[in-house]
Amino acid sequence: VRLAAFASAIGSLVPQAVAALAGRHPGLQISLTDTHPPEAIELLRAGKVEVAIIFRYDETEPEPAGVRLHHLLDDPVYVLSTRRERGLEALRDATWIAGCERCRSHLLSMCADAGFDPRIGYSSDDMVVMQAWVAAGLGVATQTGLALRAHRIDGVVATELPGSKRHIYAATYGEPPDPPATAALLEALAEAAASAATSSVEDRS
């Protein structure tokens, strides 16, 4: 089965799911492409992958034609600092570490709702780099639970932002039913997501 997914899912959900599949279906092979959700959907629609793991912040966004979404989990968003924070409103004067212009839209939206424009001092899409800069005291950032499960640097304190979640889906294309190998991967991903959804990353340090 050909799978496309984004980095934090590859570092958290995918290893657990593929390991489970290896035990149940030793002959089943999974190939993996690391890419952002828009590109993953295009690969799916072009028939180059059978499953795409994607995320959305807005559940009302329409599905692309022919794409079926299988909900995996709602992934909490955390603010990262070197101390426990009281929420976004207390960080209006902070220096922010943000993703690229395409990747920072949710941060900008959250800060706008809190009544300020974040002062972005550093930019990186690498979750390891972002955490390293936070741990060094260079600024604050936001990351999701899956990113923190994939990698967590000592000294980074994660505070969940209430009401802010990223919705994670496994997407397939075409009419059901899915082929048996695809269905097996979807089941394993759902189990990995259920395990992730029942544990919190906030108290780890």
C-alpha atoms as a PDB file:
ATOM      1  CA  VAL A   1       0.000   0.000   0.000  1.00  0.00           C
ATOM      2  CA  ARG A   2       1.362   3.418  -0.946  1.00  0.00           C
ATOM      3  CA  LEU A   3       0.947   5.993   1.815  1.00  0.00           C
ATOM      4  CA  ALA A   4       1.523   9.754   1.843  1.00  0.00           C
ATOM      5  CA  ALA A   5       1.635  11.633   5.150  1.00  0.00           C
ATOM      6  CA  PHE A   6       2.986  14.740   6.853  1.00  0.00           C
ATOM      7  CA  ALA A   7       6.036  14.730   9.134  1.00  0.00           C
ATOM      8  CA  SER A   8       4.487  14.557  12.606  1.00  0.00           C
ATOM      9  CA  ALA A   9       2.144  11.725  11.572  1.00  0.00           C
ATOM     10  CA  ILE A  10       5.106   9.860  10.100  1.00  0.00           C
ATOM     11  CA  GLY A  11       6.938  10.260  13.404  1.00  0.00           C
ATOM     12  CA  SER A  12       4.027   9.137  15.593  1.00  0.00           C
ATOM     13  CA  LEU A  13       1.040   7.300  14.090  1.00  0.00           C
ATOM     14  CA  VAL A  14       2.672   5.624  11.108  1.00  0.00           C
ATOM     15  CA  PRO A  15       5.416   3.601  12.892  1.00  0.00           C
ATOM     16  CA  GLN A  16       2.906   2.102  15.329  1.00  0.00           C
ATOM     17  CA  ALA A  17       0.469   1.249  12.530  1.00  0.00           C
ATOM     18  CA  VAL A  18       3.093  -0.280  10.241  1.00  0.00           C
ATOM     19  CA  ALA A  19       4.558  -2.322  13.107  1.00  0.00           C
ATOM     20  CA  ALA A  20       1.086  -3.705  13.870  1.00  0.00           C
ATOM     21  CA  LEU A  21       0.582  -4.586  10.218  1.00  0.00           C
ATOM     22  CA  ALA A  22       3.932  -6.376  10.084  1.00  0.00           C
ATOM     23  CA  GLY A  23       2.720  -8.699  12.825  1.00  0.00           C
ATOM     24  CA  ARG A  24      -0.701  -9.362  11.327  1.00  0.00           C
ATOM     25  CA  HIS A  25       0.144  -9.341   7.613  1.00  0.00           C
ATOM     26  CA  PRO A  26       3.860 -10.082   7.176  1.00  0.00           C
ATOM     27  CA  GLY A  27       3.572 -10.039   3.387  1.00  0.00           C
ATOM     28  CA  LEU A  28       2.013  -6.577   3.241  1.00  0.00           C
ATOM     29  CA  GLN A  29       4.463  -3.862   2.211  1.00  0.00           C
ATOM     30  CA  ILE A  30       3.973  -0.151   2.901  1.00  0.00           C
ATOM     31  CA  SER A  31       5.734   2.542   0.881  1.00  0.00           C
ATOM     32  CA  LEU A  32       5.821   6.044   2.286  1.00  0.00           C
ATOM     33  CA  THR A  33       5.979   9.572   0.870  1.00  0.00           C
ATOM     34  CA  ASP A  34       6.641  12.507   3.222  1.00  0.00           C
ATOM     35  CA  THR A  35       4.643  15.480   1.982  1.00  0.00           C
ATOM     36  CA  HIS A  36       2.208  18.221   2.996  1.00  0.00           C
ATOM     37  CA  PRO A  37      -1.569  17.554   2.877  1.00  0.00           C
ATOM     38  CA  PRO A  38      -2.361  19.445  -0.373  1.00  0.00           C
ATOM     39  CA  GLU A  39       0.333  17.504  -2.220  1.00  0.00           C
ATOM     40  CA  ALA A  40      -0.779  14.250  -0.558  1.00  0.00           C
ATOM     41  CA  ILE A  41      -4.337  14.778  -1.837  1.00  0.00           C
ATOM     42  CA  GLU A  42      -3.015  15.381  -5.349  1.00  0.00           C
ATOM     43  CA  LEU A  43      -1.004  12.135  -5.190  1.00  0.00           C
ATOM     44  CA  LEU A  44      -4.147  10.360  -4.013  1.00  0.00           C
ATOM     45  CA  ARG A  45      -6.314  11.736  -6.797  1.00  0.00           C
ATOM     46  CA  ALA A  46      -3.619  10.918  -9.379  1.00  0.00           C
ATOM     47  CA  GLY A  47      -3.565   7.282  -8.248  1.00  0.00           C
ATOM     48  CA  LYS A  48       0.023   7.468  -6.999  1.00  0.00           C
ATOM     49  CA  VAL A  49      -0.908   6.560  -3.397  1.00  0.00           C
ATOM     50  CA  GLU A  50      -3.800   4.600  -1.887  1.00  0.00           C
ATOM     51  CA  VAL A  51      -3.956   6.451   1.450  1.00  0.00           C
ATOM     52  CA  ALA A  52      -3.108  10.045   2.396  1.00  0.00           C
ATOM     53  CA  ILE A  53      -2.933  11.217   6.005  1.00  0.00           C
ATOM     54  CA  ILE A  54      -3.970  14.870   6.079  1.00  0.00           C
ATOM     55  CA  PHE A  55      -5.077  17.489   8.588  1.00  0.00           C
ATOM     56  CA  ARG A  56      -7.546  20.326   8.669  1.00  0.00           C
ATOM     57  CA  TYR A  57      -8.213  23.069  11.188  1.00  0.00           C
ATOM     58  CA  ASP A  58     -11.686  23.779   9.815  1.00  0.00           C
ATOM     59  CA  GLU A  59     -14.029  20.772   9.756  1.00  0.00           C
ATOM     60  CA  THR A  60     -16.429  22.594   7.420  1.00  0.00           C
ATOM     61  CA  GLU A  61     -13.894  22.650   4.574  1.00  0.00           C
ATOM     62  CA  PRO A  62     -15.447  20.698   1.652  1.00  0.00           C
ATOM     63  CA  GLU A  63     -13.977  17.373   0.604  1.00  0.00           C
ATOM     64  CA  PRO A  64     -12.279  17.260  -2.810  1.00  0.00           C
ATOM     65  CA  ALA A  65     -14.342  15.379  -5.401  1.00  0.00           C
ATOM     66  CA  GLY A  66     -13.995  11.613  -5.032  1.00  0.00           C
ATOM     67  CA  VAL A  67     -12.026  11.810  -1.768  1.00  0.00           C
ATOM     68  CA  ARG A  68     -13.363   9.983   1.309  1.00  0.00           C
ATOM     69  CA  LEU A  69     -12.128  11.094   4.734  1.00  0.00           C
ATOM     70  CA  HIS A  70     -11.748   8.632   7.617  1.00  0.00           C
ATOM     71  CA  HIS A  71     -11.454  10.582  10.878  1.00  0.00           C
ATOM     72  CA  LEU A  72      -8.493   9.443  12.995  1.00  0.00           C
ATOM     73  CA  LEU A  73      -8.299  11.927  15.873  1.00  0.00           C
ATOM     74  CA  ASP A  74      -8.525  15.561  16.956  1.00  0.00           C
ATOM     75  CA  ASP A  75      -4.964  16.659  17.692  1.00  0.00           C
ATOM     76  CA  PRO A  76      -4.592  19.329  20.427  1.00  0.00           C
ATOM     77  CA  VAL A  77      -2.487  22.421  19.794  1.00  0.00           C
ATOM     78  CA  TYR A  78       0.068  23.444  22.448  1.00  0.00           C
ATOM     79  CA  VAL A  79       2.069  26.594  23.065  1.00  0.00           C
ATOM     80  CA  LEU A  80       5.731  25.796  23.702  1.00  0.00           C
ATOM     81  CA  SER A  81       7.831  27.813  26.125  1.00  0.00           C
ATOM     82  CA  THR A  82      10.352  27.257  28.908  1.00  0.00           C
ATOM     83  CA  ARG A  83       7.617  27.673  31.535  1.00  0.00           C
ATOM     84  CA  ARG A  84       3.908  27.004  31.992  1.00  0.00           C
ATOM     85  CA  GLU A  85       1.962  29.690  30.118  1.00  0.00           C
ATOM     86  CA  ARG A  86      -1.448  31.189  30.902  1.00  0.00           C
ATOM     87  CA  GLY A  87      -2.616  31.264  27.279  1.00  0.00           C
ATOM     88  CA  LEU A  88      -2.045  33.239  24.118  1.00  0.00           C
ATOM     89  CA  GLU A  89      -3.208  36.543  25.601  1.00  0.00           C
ATOM     90  CA  ALA A  90      -0.202  36.553  27.931  1.00  0.00           C
ATOM     91  CA  LEU A  91       2.186  36.169  24.972  1.00  0.00           C
ATOM     92  CA  ARG A  92       1.283  39.235  22.930  1.00  0.00           C
ATOM     93  CA  ASP A  93       4.760  40.704  23.551  1.00  0.00           C
ATOM     94  CA  ALA A  94       6.662  37.456  23.030  1.00  0.00           C
ATOM     95  CA  THR A  95       8.973  36.619  20.150  1.00  0.00           C
ATOM     96  CA  TRP A  96       7.407  33.828  18.084  1.00  0.00           C
ATOM     97  CA  ILE A  97       9.011  30.976  16.179  1.00  0.00           C
ATOM     98  CA  ALA A  98       6.681  30.186  13.276  1.00  0.00           C
ATOM     99  CA  GLY A  99       6.489  28.018  10.205  1.00  0.00           C
ATOM    100  CA  CYS A 100       6.690  29.208   6.609  1.00  0.00           C
ATOM    101  CA  GLU A 101       4.074  31.621   5.305  1.00  0.00           C
ATOM    102  CA  ARG A 102       1.848  28.750   4.148  1.00  0.00           C
ATOM    103  CA  CYS A 103       2.219  26.902   7.463  1.00  0.00           C
ATOM    104  CA  ARG A 104       1.660  29.773   9.910  1.00  0.00           C
ATOM    105  CA  SER A 105      -1.924  30.685   8.988  1.00  0.00           C
ATOM    106  CA  HIS A 106      -3.425  28.883  11.994  1.00  0.00           C
ATOM    107  CA  LEU A 107      -1.034  30.656  14.385  1.00  0.00           C
ATOM    108  CA  LEU A 108      -1.972  34.019  12.882  1.00  0.00           C
ATOM    109  CA  SER A 109      -5.672  33.178  13.188  1.00  0.00           C
ATOM    110  CA  MET A 110      -5.374  32.116  16.842  1.00  0.00           C
ATOM    111  CA  CYS A 111      -3.418  35.232  17.778  1.00  0.00           C
ATOM    112  CA  ALA A 112      -5.909  37.449  15.927  1.00  0.00           C
ATOM    113  CA  ASP A 113      -8.716  35.876  17.951  1.00  0.00           C
ATOM    114  CA  ALA A 114      -6.689  36.712  21.084  1.00  0.00           C
ATOM    115  CA  GLY A 115      -6.422  40.352  19.963  1.00  0.00           C
ATOM    116  CA  PHE A 116      -2.857  40.710  18.684  1.00  0.00           C
ATOM    117  CA  ASP A 117      -0.487  40.090  15.775  1.00  0.00           C
ATOM    118  CA  PRO A 118       2.430  37.831  16.759  1.00  0.00           C
ATOM    119  CA  ARG A 119       5.917  39.281  16.450  1.00  0.00           C
ATOM    120  CA  ILE A 120       7.653  36.543  14.432  1.00  0.00           C
ATOM    121  CA  GLY A 121      11.385  36.573  14.990  1.00  0.00           C
ATOM    122  CA  TYR A 122      12.349  33.184  13.555  1.00  0.00           C
ATOM    123  CA  SER A 123      10.916  30.893  10.889  1.00  0.00           C
ATOM    124  CA  SER A 124      11.298  27.145  10.440  1.00  0.00           C
ATOM    125  CA  ASP A 125       9.079  24.232   9.392  1.00  0.00           C
ATOM    126  CA  ASP A 126      11.328  21.761  11.239  1.00  0.00           C
ATOM    127  CA  MET A 127       9.677  20.759  14.531  1.00  0.00           C
ATOM    128  CA  VAL A 128      13.057  19.747  15.989  1.00  0.00           C
ATOM    129  CA  VAL A 129      14.579  23.151  15.174  1.00  0.00           C
ATOM    130  CA  MET A 130      11.565  25.001  16.565  1.00  0.00           C
ATOM    131  CA  GLN A 131      11.773  23.119  19.868  1.00  0.00           C
ATOM    132  CA  ALA A 132      15.539  23.690  20.090  1.00  0.00           C
ATOM    133  CA  TRP A 133      15.041  27.435  19.732  1.00  0.00           C
ATOM    134  CA  VAL A 134      12.270  27.409  22.347  1.00  0.00           C
ATOM    135  CA  ALA A 135      14.476  25.423  24.745  1.00  0.00           C
ATOM    136  CA  ALA A 136      17.256  27.980  24.221  1.00  0.00           C
ATOM    137  CA  GLY A 137      14.894  30.757  25.318  1.00  0.00           C
ATOM    138  CA  LEU A 138      14.762  32.436  21.912  1.00  0.00           C
ATOM    139  CA  GLY A 139      10.978  32.546  21.711  1.00  0.00           C
ATOM    140  CA  VAL A 140       7.716  30.652  21.917  1.00  0.00           C
ATOM    141  CA  ALA A 141       5.968  28.480  19.339  1.00  0.00           C
ATOM    142  CA  THR A 142       2.957  26.276  18.797  1.00  0.00           C
ATOM    143  CA  GLN A 143       3.021  22.588  17.943  1.00  0.00           C
ATOM    144  CA  THR A 144       0.476  19.796  18.010  1.00  0.00           C
ATOM    145  CA  GLY A 145       0.305  16.681  20.124  1.00  0.00           C
ATOM    146  CA  LEU A 146       1.504  14.447  17.289  1.00  0.00           C
ATOM    147  CA  ALA A 147       4.575  16.630  16.784  1.00  0.00           C
ATOM    148  CA  LEU A 148       5.380  16.409  20.495  1.00  0.00           C
ATOM    149  CA  ARG A 149       4.957  12.635  20.447  1.00  0.00           C
ATOM    150  CA  ALA A 150       7.326  12.396  17.502  1.00  0.00           C
ATOM    151  CA  HIS A 151       9.987  14.541  19.206  1.00  0.00           C
ATOM    152  CA  ARG A 152      10.311  16.329  22.547  1.00  0.00           C
ATOM    153  CA  ILE A 153      13.353  18.298  23.745  1.00  0.00           C
ATOM    154  CA  ASP A 154      14.092  18.545  27.466  1.00  0.00           C
ATOM    155  CA  GLY A 155      13.240  21.941  28.888  1.00  0.00           C
ATOM    156  CA  VAL A 156      10.308  22.591  26.545  1.00  0.00           C
ATOM    157  CA  VAL A 157       7.053  23.070  28.468  1.00  0.00           C
ATOM    158  CA  ALA A 158       3.852  22.390  26.515  1.00  0.00           C
ATOM    159  CA  THR A 159       0.618  24.105  27.546  1.00  0.00           C
ATOM    160  CA  GLU A 160      -2.546  23.011  25.736  1.00  0.00           C
ATOM    161  CA  LEU A 161      -4.576  25.769  24.119  1.00  0.00           C
ATOM    162  CA  PRO A 162      -8.236  25.045  24.948  1.00  0.00           C
ATOM    163  CA  GLY A 163     -10.556  24.804  21.971  1.00  0.00           C
ATOM    164  CA  SER A 164      -7.763  24.630  19.404  1.00  0.00           C
ATOM    165  CA  LYS A 165      -7.403  21.298  17.637  1.00  0.00           C
ATOM    166  CA  ARG A 166      -6.146  19.971  14.333  1.00  0.00           C
ATOM    167  CA  HIS A 167      -8.412  17.334  12.782  1.00  0.00           C
ATOM    168  CA  ILE A 168      -6.491  14.334  11.401  1.00  0.00           C
ATOM    169  CA  TYR A 169      -7.891  12.119   8.632  1.00  0.00           C
ATOM    170  CA  ALA A 170      -6.845   9.191   6.510  1.00  0.00           C
ATOM    171  CA  ALA A 171      -8.075   9.933   2.991  1.00  0.00           C
ATOM    172  CA  THR A 172      -8.880   7.418   0.279  1.00  0.00           C
ATOM    173  CA  TYR A 173     -10.141   7.955  -3.258  1.00  0.00           C
ATOM    174  CA  GLY A 174     -13.025   6.443  -5.164  1.00  0.00           C
ATOM    175  CA  GLU A 175     -16.091   4.448  -4.232  1.00  0.00           C
ATOM    176  CA  PRO A 176     -16.087   1.952  -1.339  1.00  0.00           C
ATOM    177  CA  PRO A 177     -15.233  -0.692  -0.421  1.00  0.00           C
ATOM    178  CA  ASP A 178     -11.495  -0.189  -0.088  1.00  0.00           C
ATOM    179  CA  PRO A 179      -9.217  -3.057  -1.179  1.00  0.00           C
ATOM    180  CA  PRO A 180      -8.330  -5.446   1.675  1.00  0.00           C
ATOM    181  CA  ALA A 181      -4.736  -4.179   2.001  1.00  0.00           C
ATOM    182  CA  THR A 182      -5.915  -0.563   2.154  1.00  0.00           C
ATOM    183  CA  ALA A 183      -8.600  -1.463   4.678  1.00  0.00           C
ATOM    184  CA  ALA A 184      -5.978  -3.189   6.847  1.00  0.00           C
ATOM    185  CA  LEU A 185      -3.819  -0.048   6.830  1.00  0.00           C
ATOM    186  CA  LEU A 186      -6.811   2.137   7.711  1.00  0.00           C
ATOM    187  CA  GLU A 187      -7.648  -0.145  10.641  1.00  0.00           C
ATOM    188  CA  ALA A 188      -4.065  -0.031  11.935  1.00  0.00           C
ATOM    189  CA  LEU A 189      -3.970   3.771  11.618  1.00  0.00           C
ATOM    190  CA  ALA A 190      -7.270   4.058  13.517  1.00  0.00           C
ATOM    191  CA  GLU A 191      -5.858   1.911  16.343  1.00  0.00           C
ATOM    192  CA  ALA A 192      -2.676   4.017  16.519  1.00  0.00           C
ATOM    193  CA  ALA A 193      -4.768   7.182  16.580  1.00  0.00           C
ATOM    194  CA  ALA A 194      -6.991   5.836  19.364  1.00  0.00           C
ATOM    195  CA  SER A 195      -3.900   5.120  21.441  1.00  0.00           C
ATOM    196  CA  ALA A 196      -2.541   8.635  20.850  1.00  0.00           C
ATOM    197  CA  ALA A 197      -5.878  10.248  21.682  1.00  0.00           C
ATOM    198  CA  THR A 198      -6.002   8.699  25.143  1.00  0.00           C
ATOM    199  CA  SER A 199      -2.652  10.042  26.336  1.00  0.00           C
ATOM    200  CA  SER A 200      -1.556  13.610  27.092  1.00  0.00           C
ATOM    201  CA  VAL A 201       1.810  15.144  26.274  1.00  0.00           C
ATOM    202  CA  GLU A 202       1.338  18.263  28.412  1.00  0.00           C
ATOM    203  CA  ASP A 203       2.980  17.009  31.599  1.00  0.00           C
ATOM    204  CA  ARG A 204       6.058  15.578  29.906  1.00  0.00           C
ATOM    205  CA  SER A 205       9.266  17.565  30.133  1.00  0.00           C
END
